[in-house]
Amino acid sequence: MDIMTLAKAILPQFVASYKYHGTIGQPRPLHIYEMDKLPGTTYIMARDLSVVQPPEAVLRQRSSVEDLARCVQMLIALIPAGTDR
């Protein structure tokens, strides 16, 4: 079971279905994926980039991203050894 299949099995409402279409370009190819749109607003769209953020807001945003990364890391740690990641 690959990591995306496992993630979809655990949290189907948060993991979009996807299809890999291959690569384009050389010498550093770009991998192309197609994925379903999930309901809600993406993090980058939720932020108003035109407004200068106070330092404490930037720290809160960084903390949110770090918390998300830790959550993903914990999910990856649950994958049994030898599983295709």
N, C-alpha and C. Protein backbone atom coordinates (compact mmCIF):
# COMPACT_ATOMS: atom_id res chain seq x y z
N MET A 1 0.86 -1.18 0.00
CA MET A 1 0.00 0.00 0.00
C MET A 1 0.90 1.23 0.00
N ASP A 2 0.70 2.14 -0.95
CA ASP A 2 1.53 3.35 -0.97
C ASP A 2 0.97 4.39 0.01
N ILE A 3 1.72 5.44 0.25
CA ILE A 3 1.37 6.43 1.27
C ILE A 3 0.05 7.14 0.96
N MET A 4 -0.23 7.42 -0.32
CA MET A 4 -1.48 8.10 -0.66
C MET A 4 -2.69 7.19 -0.43
N THR A 5 -2.55 5.92 -0.74
CA THR A 5 -3.64 4.98 -0.51
C THR A 5 -3.93 4.85 0.98
N LEU A 6 -2.86 4.78 1.77
CA LEU A 6 -3.02 4.70 3.22
C LEU A 6 -3.67 5.96 3.77
N ALA A 7 -3.20 7.13 3.33
CA ALA A 7 -3.78 8.39 3.79
C ALA A 7 -5.26 8.47 3.43
N LYS A 8 -5.62 8.06 2.22
CA LYS A 8 -7.03 8.09 1.79
C LYS A 8 -7.86 7.13 2.62
N ALA A 9 -7.30 5.99 2.99
CA ALA A 9 -8.02 5.02 3.81
C ALA A 9 -8.27 5.57 5.22
N ILE A 10 -7.31 6.34 5.75
CA ILE A 10 -7.42 6.87 7.11
C ILE A 10 -8.30 8.11 7.15
N LEU A 11 -8.09 9.03 6.22
CA LEU A 11 -8.80 10.32 6.21
C LEU A 11 -9.35 10.63 4.82
N PRO A 12 -10.35 9.88 4.36
CA PRO A 12 -10.82 10.04 2.98
C PRO A 12 -11.36 11.44 2.66
N GLN A 13 -11.89 12.14 3.66
CA GLN A 13 -12.44 13.47 3.41
C GLN A 13 -11.36 14.53 3.19
N PHE A 14 -10.10 14.21 3.51
CA PHE A 14 -9.02 15.17 3.39
C PHE A 14 -8.00 14.84 2.30
N VAL A 15 -8.15 13.70 1.64
CA VAL A 15 -7.18 13.27 0.65
C VAL A 15 -7.86 13.15 -0.71
N ALA A 16 -7.42 13.96 -1.65
CA ALA A 16 -8.00 13.95 -2.99
C ALA A 16 -7.54 12.72 -3.77
N SER A 17 -8.43 12.21 -4.62
CA SER A 17 -8.02 11.17 -5.55
C SER A 17 -7.12 11.81 -6.60
N TYR A 18 -6.19 11.04 -7.14
CA TYR A 18 -5.26 11.62 -8.10
C TYR A 18 -4.92 10.61 -9.19
N LYS A 19 -4.36 11.13 -10.29
CA LYS A 19 -3.90 10.30 -11.39
C LYS A 19 -2.57 10.87 -11.88
N TYR A 20 -1.58 10.00 -12.03
CA TYR A 20 -0.26 10.41 -12.51
C TYR A 20 -0.26 10.37 -14.03
N HIS A 21 0.24 11.46 -14.66
CA HIS A 21 0.25 11.55 -16.13
C HIS A 21 1.64 11.46 -16.74
N GLY A 22 2.67 11.28 -15.93
CA GLY A 22 4.02 11.17 -16.47
C GLY A 22 4.81 12.47 -16.28
N THR A 23 5.81 12.66 -17.13
CA THR A 23 6.69 13.83 -17.01
C THR A 23 6.76 14.57 -18.34
N ILE A 24 7.16 15.85 -18.22
CA ILE A 24 7.46 16.66 -19.40
C ILE A 24 8.77 17.39 -19.14
N GLY A 25 9.48 17.71 -20.22
CA GLY A 25 10.69 18.52 -20.10
C GLY A 25 11.94 17.71 -19.82
N GLN A 26 13.05 18.30 -20.19
CA GLN A 26 14.38 17.74 -19.97
C GLN A 26 15.34 18.89 -19.68
N PRO A 27 16.41 18.78 -18.97
CA PRO A 27 16.94 17.59 -18.32
C PRO A 27 16.32 17.34 -16.95
N ARG A 28 15.57 18.31 -16.41
CA ARG A 28 14.91 18.12 -15.11
C ARG A 28 13.41 18.01 -15.36
N PRO A 29 12.90 16.80 -15.53
CA PRO A 29 11.49 16.63 -15.88
C PRO A 29 10.55 17.08 -14.77
N LEU A 30 9.38 17.57 -15.19
CA LEU A 30 8.32 17.98 -14.28
C LEU A 30 7.29 16.85 -14.24
N HIS A 31 6.99 16.35 -13.06
CA HIS A 31 6.00 15.27 -12.90
C HIS A 31 4.61 15.89 -12.89
N ILE A 32 3.69 15.33 -13.67
CA ILE A 32 2.35 15.89 -13.83
C ILE A 32 1.32 14.97 -13.16
N TYR A 33 0.52 15.54 -12.28
CA TYR A 33 -0.56 14.83 -11.60
C TYR A 33 -1.87 15.59 -11.83
N GLU A 34 -2.97 14.86 -11.84
CA GLU A 34 -4.31 15.43 -11.87
C GLU A 34 -4.97 14.99 -10.58
N MET A 35 -5.65 15.91 -9.88
CA MET A 35 -6.32 15.51 -8.64
C MET A 35 -7.69 16.16 -8.53
N ASP A 36 -8.55 15.47 -7.79
CA ASP A 36 -9.89 16.00 -7.55
C ASP A 36 -9.81 17.20 -6.63
N LYS A 37 -10.75 18.12 -6.80
CA LYS A 37 -10.82 19.29 -5.93
C LYS A 37 -11.59 18.90 -4.68
N LEU A 38 -11.04 19.24 -3.53
CA LEU A 38 -11.71 19.00 -2.26
C LEU A 38 -12.47 20.24 -1.85
N PRO A 39 -13.55 20.10 -1.09
CA PRO A 39 -14.27 21.28 -0.63
C PRO A 39 -13.44 22.08 0.36
N GLY A 40 -13.69 23.37 0.42
CA GLY A 40 -12.99 24.23 1.37
C GLY A 40 -12.03 25.17 0.68
N THR A 41 -11.31 25.92 1.48
CA THR A 41 -10.36 26.91 1.00
C THR A 41 -8.95 26.45 1.30
N THR A 42 -8.06 26.56 0.31
CA THR A 42 -6.68 26.17 0.55
C THR A 42 -6.01 27.18 1.47
N TYR A 43 -4.98 26.75 2.13
CA TYR A 43 -4.26 27.63 3.07
C TYR A 43 -3.76 28.88 2.37
N ILE A 44 -3.15 28.73 1.22
CA ILE A 44 -2.57 29.89 0.54
C ILE A 44 -3.64 30.87 0.09
N MET A 45 -4.84 30.38 -0.27
CA MET A 45 -5.92 31.27 -0.68
C MET A 45 -6.58 31.94 0.52
N ALA A 46 -6.52 31.31 1.68
CA ALA A 46 -7.15 31.87 2.88
C ALA A 46 -6.38 33.07 3.40
N ARG A 47 -5.10 33.13 3.11
CA ARG A 47 -4.28 34.26 3.55
C ARG A 47 -4.46 35.43 2.61
N ASP A 48 -4.52 36.62 3.13
CA ASP A 48 -4.58 37.83 2.31
C ASP A 48 -3.15 38.31 2.11
N LEU A 49 -2.58 38.01 0.96
CA LEU A 49 -1.17 38.32 0.70
C LEU A 49 -0.93 39.81 0.48
N SER A 50 -2.01 40.58 0.25
CA SER A 50 -1.82 42.01 -0.01
C SER A 50 -1.66 42.81 1.29
N VAL A 51 -1.97 42.19 2.40
CA VAL A 51 -1.88 42.87 3.70
C VAL A 51 -0.58 42.46 4.37
N VAL A 52 0.18 43.46 4.82
CA VAL A 52 1.42 43.18 5.54
C VAL A 52 1.07 42.52 6.87
N GLN A 53 1.67 41.39 7.11
CA GLN A 53 1.37 40.62 8.33
C GLN A 53 2.26 41.09 9.48
N PRO A 54 1.67 41.28 10.67
CA PRO A 54 2.50 41.59 11.83
C PRO A 54 3.36 40.38 12.19
N PRO A 55 4.48 40.60 12.86
CA PRO A 55 5.40 39.50 13.18
C PRO A 55 4.72 38.33 13.89
N GLU A 56 3.79 38.62 14.82
CA GLU A 56 3.15 37.51 15.55
C GLU A 56 2.26 36.67 14.63
N ALA A 57 1.68 37.28 13.59
CA ALA A 57 0.86 36.53 12.63
C ALA A 57 1.75 35.60 11.81
N VAL A 58 2.91 36.09 11.43
CA VAL A 58 3.85 35.26 10.66
C VAL A 58 4.28 34.07 11.51
N LEU A 59 4.54 34.29 12.80
CA LEU A 59 4.93 33.20 13.69
C LEU A 59 3.80 32.19 13.84
N ARG A 60 2.54 32.66 13.92
CA ARG A 60 1.40 31.74 14.03
C ARG A 60 1.27 30.90 12.76
N GLN A 61 1.47 31.53 11.60
CA GLN A 61 1.39 30.80 10.33
C GLN A 61 2.49 29.74 10.27
N ARG A 62 3.68 30.12 10.65
CA ARG A 62 4.79 29.16 10.64
C ARG A 62 4.49 28.00 11.58
N SER A 63 3.94 28.30 12.75
CA SER A 63 3.59 27.27 13.71
C SER A 63 2.53 26.33 13.14
N SER A 64 1.55 26.88 12.42
CA SER A 64 0.51 26.05 11.80
C SER A 64 1.11 25.08 10.78
N VAL A 65 2.01 25.58 9.95
CA VAL A 65 2.64 24.73 8.94
C VAL A 65 3.51 23.67 9.61
N GLU A 66 4.24 24.03 10.66
CA GLU A 66 5.07 23.06 11.38
C GLU A 66 4.20 22.00 12.05
N ASP A 67 3.05 22.40 12.63
CA ASP A 67 2.14 21.44 13.23
C ASP A 67 1.60 20.46 12.19
N LEU A 68 1.25 20.97 11.02
CA LEU A 68 0.77 20.11 9.95
C LEU A 68 1.86 19.12 9.53
N ALA A 69 3.09 19.61 9.41
CA ALA A 69 4.20 18.74 9.03
C ALA A 69 4.41 17.64 10.07
N ARG A 70 4.29 17.97 11.35
CA ARG A 70 4.44 16.96 12.40
C ARG A 70 3.33 15.91 12.30
N CYS A 71 2.12 16.36 12.00
CA CYS A 71 0.99 15.43 11.84
C CYS A 71 1.25 14.47 10.69
N VAL A 72 1.71 14.99 9.56
CA VAL A 72 2.01 14.14 8.41
C VAL A 72 3.14 13.17 8.77
N GLN A 73 4.14 13.65 9.47
CA GLN A 73 5.26 12.79 9.89
C GLN A 73 4.76 11.65 10.78
N MET A 74 3.82 11.94 11.68
CA MET A 74 3.28 10.88 12.54
C MET A 74 2.49 9.87 11.72
N LEU A 75 1.73 10.34 10.72
CA LEU A 75 1.00 9.42 9.86
C LEU A 75 1.96 8.51 9.09
N ILE A 76 3.04 9.09 8.58
CA ILE A 76 4.03 8.30 7.85
C ILE A 76 4.65 7.25 8.76
N ALA A 77 4.87 7.60 10.02
CA ALA A 77 5.47 6.66 10.97
C ALA A 77 4.56 5.46 11.21
N LEU A 78 3.26 5.60 10.96
CA LEU A 78 2.32 4.50 11.16
C LEU A 78 2.36 3.48 10.03
N ILE A 79 3.02 3.82 8.93
CA ILE A 79 3.09 2.91 7.79
C ILE A 79 4.00 1.75 8.15
N PRO A 80 3.53 0.53 7.96
CA PRO A 80 4.37 -0.63 8.31
C PRO A 80 5.68 -0.65 7.50
N ALA A 81 6.73 -1.15 8.13
CA ALA A 81 8.03 -1.27 7.45
C ALA A 81 7.90 -2.12 6.21
N GLY A 82 8.59 -1.74 5.16
CA GLY A 82 8.57 -2.47 3.91
C GLY A 82 7.45 -2.05 2.97
N THR A 83 6.59 -1.13 3.43
CA THR A 83 5.49 -0.64 2.59
C THR A 83 6.04 0.40 1.63
N ASP A 84 5.56 0.38 0.38
CA ASP A 84 5.98 1.36 -0.62
C ASP A 84 5.46 2.73 -0.22
N ARG A 85 6.38 3.65 0.03
CA ARG A 85 6.00 5.00 0.40
C ARG A 85 6.03 5.87 -0.82
